[in-house]
Protein backbone atom coordinates (compact mmCIF):
# COMPACT_ATOMS: atom_id res chain seq x y z
CA UNK A 1 -0.03 0.02 0.23
CA UNK A 2 3.13 2.70 0.84
CA UNK A 3 4.09 2.54 -2.96
CA UNK A 4 0.87 4.14 -3.81
CA UNK A 5 1.09 6.85 -1.08
CA UNK A 6 3.06 9.92 -2.29
CA UNK A 7 5.19 11.41 0.86
CA UNK A 8 6.25 14.62 1.28
CA UNK A 9 9.93 15.34 1.84
CA UNK A 10 10.70 17.49 4.78
CA UNK A 11 11.48 20.42 2.56
CA UNK A 12 8.23 19.80 0.77
CA UNK A 13 6.18 19.52 3.65
CA UNK A 14 7.83 22.49 5.03
CA UNK A 15 6.68 24.50 2.10
CA UNK A 16 3.41 23.07 2.06
CA UNK A 17 3.08 23.86 5.81
CA UNK A 18 3.85 27.59 4.82
CA UNK A 19 1.29 27.61 2.33
CA UNK A 20 -1.50 26.51 4.63
CA UNK A 21 -0.49 29.24 7.37
CA UNK A 22 -0.73 31.75 4.57
CA UNK A 23 -4.16 30.81 3.73
CA UNK A 24 -5.22 30.68 7.19
CA UNK A 25 -3.75 34.13 7.68
CA UNK A 26 -5.10 35.93 4.46
CA UNK A 27 -8.36 34.76 5.06
CA UNK A 28 -8.34 35.44 8.72
CA UNK A 29 -9.62 31.67 9.31
CA UNK A 30 -9.26 30.47 12.69
CA UNK A 31 -6.21 28.42 13.35
CA UNK A 32 -8.21 25.42 14.39
CA UNK A 33 -9.19 25.03 10.79
CA UNK A 34 -6.46 22.70 9.92
CA UNK A 35 -7.82 20.13 12.25
CA UNK A 36 -11.30 20.05 11.01
CA UNK A 37 -11.98 16.85 9.53
CA UNK A 38 -13.46 18.28 6.06
CA UNK A 39 -10.26 20.15 5.75
CA UNK A 40 -8.02 17.04 6.58
CA UNK A 41 -10.10 14.98 4.03
CA UNK A 42 -9.84 17.81 1.49
CA UNK A 43 -5.98 17.98 2.08
CA UNK A 44 -5.82 13.89 1.89
CA UNK A 45 -7.48 14.16 -1.56
CA UNK A 46 -4.97 16.57 -2.69
CA UNK A 47 -1.86 15.32 -1.16
CA UNK A 48 -2.28 11.81 0.16
CA UNK A 49 0.66 11.33 2.66
CA UNK A 50 0.78 14.98 3.79
CA UNK A 51 -0.44 15.88 7.00
CA UNK A 52 -0.87 19.24 7.75
CA UNK A 53 0.32 21.32 10.58
CA UNK A 54 -1.17 21.53 13.66
CA UNK A 55 -3.39 24.53 15.04
CA UNK A 56 -0.35 24.92 17.65
CA UNK A 57 2.32 24.94 15.01
CA UNK A 58 0.23 27.53 12.73
CA UNK A 59 0.33 29.80 15.38
CA UNK A 60 3.57 29.28 17.52
CA UNK A 61 5.73 28.61 14.03
CA UNK A 62 4.03 29.81 10.86
CA UNK A 63 2.64 33.04 12.06
CA UNK A 64 5.99 34.48 12.44
CA UNK A 65 7.62 32.98 9.31
CA UNK A 66 4.66 34.15 7.21
CA UNK A 67 4.76 37.62 8.97
CA UNK A 68 8.49 38.26 8.05
CA UNK A 69 8.04 37.11 4.63
CA UNK A 70 5.21 39.39 4.29
CA UNK A 71 6.92 42.36 5.56
CA UNK A 72 10.04 42.03 3.39
CA UNK A 73 7.55 42.02 0.42
CA UNK A 74 5.77 45.17 1.63
CA UNK A 75 9.38 46.91 2.26
CA UNK A 76 10.25 45.85 -1.08
CA UNK A 77 7.27 47.18 -2.66
CA UNK A 78 7.02 50.44 -0.86
CA UNK A 79 10.83 51.22 -1.11
CA UNK A 80 11.60 54.49 -2.89
CA UNK A 81 7.59 54.90 -3.60
CA UNK A 82 5.32 58.09 -3.34
CA UNK A 83 2.97 56.93 -0.70
CA UNK A 84 -0.13 58.06 0.69
CA UNK A 85 -1.37 57.64 4.34
CA UNK A 86 -4.58 57.01 5.20
CA UNK A 87 -6.05 56.91 8.70
CA UNK A 88 -9.28 56.11 10.04
CA UNK A 89 -10.90 55.15 13.45
CA UNK A 90 -13.67 53.05 14.79
CA UNK A 91 -14.47 50.48 17.50
CA UNK A 92 -13.23 46.70 17.41
CA UNK A 93 -15.73 43.62 18.18
CA UNK A 94 -15.18 44.68 22.08
CA UNK A 95 -16.38 48.31 21.40
CA UNK A 96 -12.88 49.49 22.18
CA UNK A 97 -11.44 52.39 19.75
CA UNK A 98 -8.92 51.46 17.62
CA UNK A 99 -7.09 53.41 14.35
CA UNK A 100 -5.83 51.76 11.72
CA UNK A 101 -2.87 53.08 9.49
CA UNK A 102 -2.89 52.15 5.60
CA UNK A 103 -0.27 53.01 2.90
CA UNK A 104 -1.19 53.57 -0.78
CA UNK A 105 1.02 54.02 -3.59
CA UNK A 106 1.01 55.45 -6.66
CA UNK A 107 0.25 52.48 -8.64
CA UNK A 108 -2.69 51.88 -5.89
CA UNK A 109 -1.19 49.25 -4.10
CA UNK A 110 -2.73 49.18 -0.47
CA UNK A 111 -1.07 47.99 2.76
CA UNK A 112 -2.45 47.92 6.16
CA UNK A 113 0.69 48.93 8.31
CA UNK A 114 -0.48 49.27 11.75
CA UNK A 115 -3.67 49.07 14.16
CA UNK A 116 -3.47 51.07 17.04
CA UNK A 117 -5.42 50.76 20.24
CA UNK A 118 -6.59 53.80 21.74
CA UNK A 119 -8.81 53.01 24.23
CA UNK A 120 -8.71 55.91 27.35
CA UNK A 121 -6.76 58.54 24.50
CA UNK A 122 -9.33 61.00 23.81
CA UNK A 123 -9.11 61.46 20.05
CA UNK A 124 -8.43 65.35 20.16
CA UNK A 125 -6.77 67.07 16.78
CA UNK A 126 -3.52 67.19 19.09
CA UNK A 127 -3.37 63.41 19.87
CA UNK A 128 -4.32 62.28 16.46
CA UNK A 129 -1.71 64.72 15.25
CA UNK A 130 1.31 63.03 17.34
CA UNK A 131 0.12 59.58 15.93
CA UNK A 132 0.01 60.55 12.63
CA UNK A 133 3.42 62.28 12.77
CA UNK A 134 4.69 58.83 14.34
CA UNK A 135 3.05 57.00 11.64
CA UNK A 136 4.70 59.12 9.16
CA UNK A 137 8.02 58.45 10.45
CA UNK A 138 7.69 54.83 11.11
CA UNK A 139 6.69 54.12 7.69
CA UNK A 140 9.39 56.01 6.09
CA UNK A 141 11.76 54.75 8.55
CA UNK A 142 10.60 50.83 8.38
CA UNK A 143 9.78 50.82 4.47
CA UNK A 144 11.96 53.48 2.80
CA UNK A 145 9.14 55.29 0.81
CA UNK A 146 8.31 59.07 1.24
CA UNK A 147 5.01 60.00 2.63
CA UNK A 148 3.51 62.90 0.35
CA UNK A 149 -0.13 62.91 1.34
CA UNK A 150 -2.30 62.19 4.42
CA UNK A 151 -6.18 61.31 3.75
CA UNK A 152 -8.71 61.28 6.70
CA UNK A 153 -12.50 61.29 7.02
CA UNK A 154 -14.11 64.81 7.63
CA UNK A 155 -14.74 64.56 11.30
CA UNK A 156 -14.22 68.04 13.12
CA UNK A 157 -11.27 66.69 15.40
CA UNK A 158 -9.59 65.04 12.33
CA UNK A 159 -10.23 68.22 9.86
CA UNK A 160 -8.36 70.23 12.98
CA UNK A 161 -5.53 67.30 13.14
CA UNK A 162 -5.18 67.88 8.93
CA UNK A 163 -4.62 71.90 9.59
CA UNK A 164 -2.23 71.50 12.31
CA UNK A 165 -0.03 68.76 10.42
CA UNK A 166 0.03 71.22 7.54
CA UNK A 167 1.15 73.91 9.84
CA UNK A 168 3.83 71.87 11.61
CA UNK A 169 5.21 70.11 8.29
CA UNK A 170 8.71 71.08 7.69
CA UNK A 171 9.46 72.98 4.48
CA UNK A 172 11.63 69.95 2.99
CA UNK A 173 8.65 67.39 3.87
CA UNK A 174 5.46 69.02 3.37
CA UNK A 175 2.66 66.84 3.62
CA UNK A 176 -0.84 67.44 1.75
CA UNK A 177 -3.74 66.48 3.59
CA UNK A 178 -7.06 65.66 2.05
CA UNK A 179 -10.64 64.62 3.73
CA UNK A 180 -12.13 61.55 2.25
CA UNK A 181 -14.42 62.80 -0.41
CA UNK A 182 -12.01 64.97 -1.93
CA UNK A 183 -9.20 62.46 -2.19
CA UNK A 184 -11.58 59.93 -3.77
CA UNK A 185 -12.36 62.86 -6.66
CA UNK A 186 -8.58 63.39 -6.58
CA UNK A 187 -7.51 59.49 -7.50
CA UNK A 188 -10.22 59.77 -10.52
CA UNK A 189 -12.84 57.98 -8.47
CA UNK A 190 -16.30 59.05 -7.93
CA UNK A 191 -18.57 58.21 -4.92
């Protein structure tokens, strides 16, 4: 019977395990999916003899490996690019405030680079200004691109933050700021 089963070599198993981890992370699926009987049946039909990683391996080993690989890819993609930084805030599933930071390149590639928990911190214009300035610095240092613009929604506190950001920008690093509707029009998209 063994001659009919195609075993995965150690390097093949490692590559397949990384791919399984990648699909779990990319689809935001629960790690326990890899142990579901239907998933295991599908894997056995696709590649008899291959045993996928456990949910513990997905969490402990492959999460960091896939993250590092994707981080390097993002850094390569963003290096020397003109970048637009977008921030938006909302509440997570526990009704706690968070702010997300994304970067968009001139070729419309979008990267989620930070989610910032902000419970207990008021979303004043001054507090948001510091958050945006830190995000600009972090993005430019980590990815090597150049932030040319910042896009936000049009809430009063954020509108004030955009004004403060424009006033605080150094002449050699002027950052243009846009409210949401203006930016979508600027990028040639209509609402």
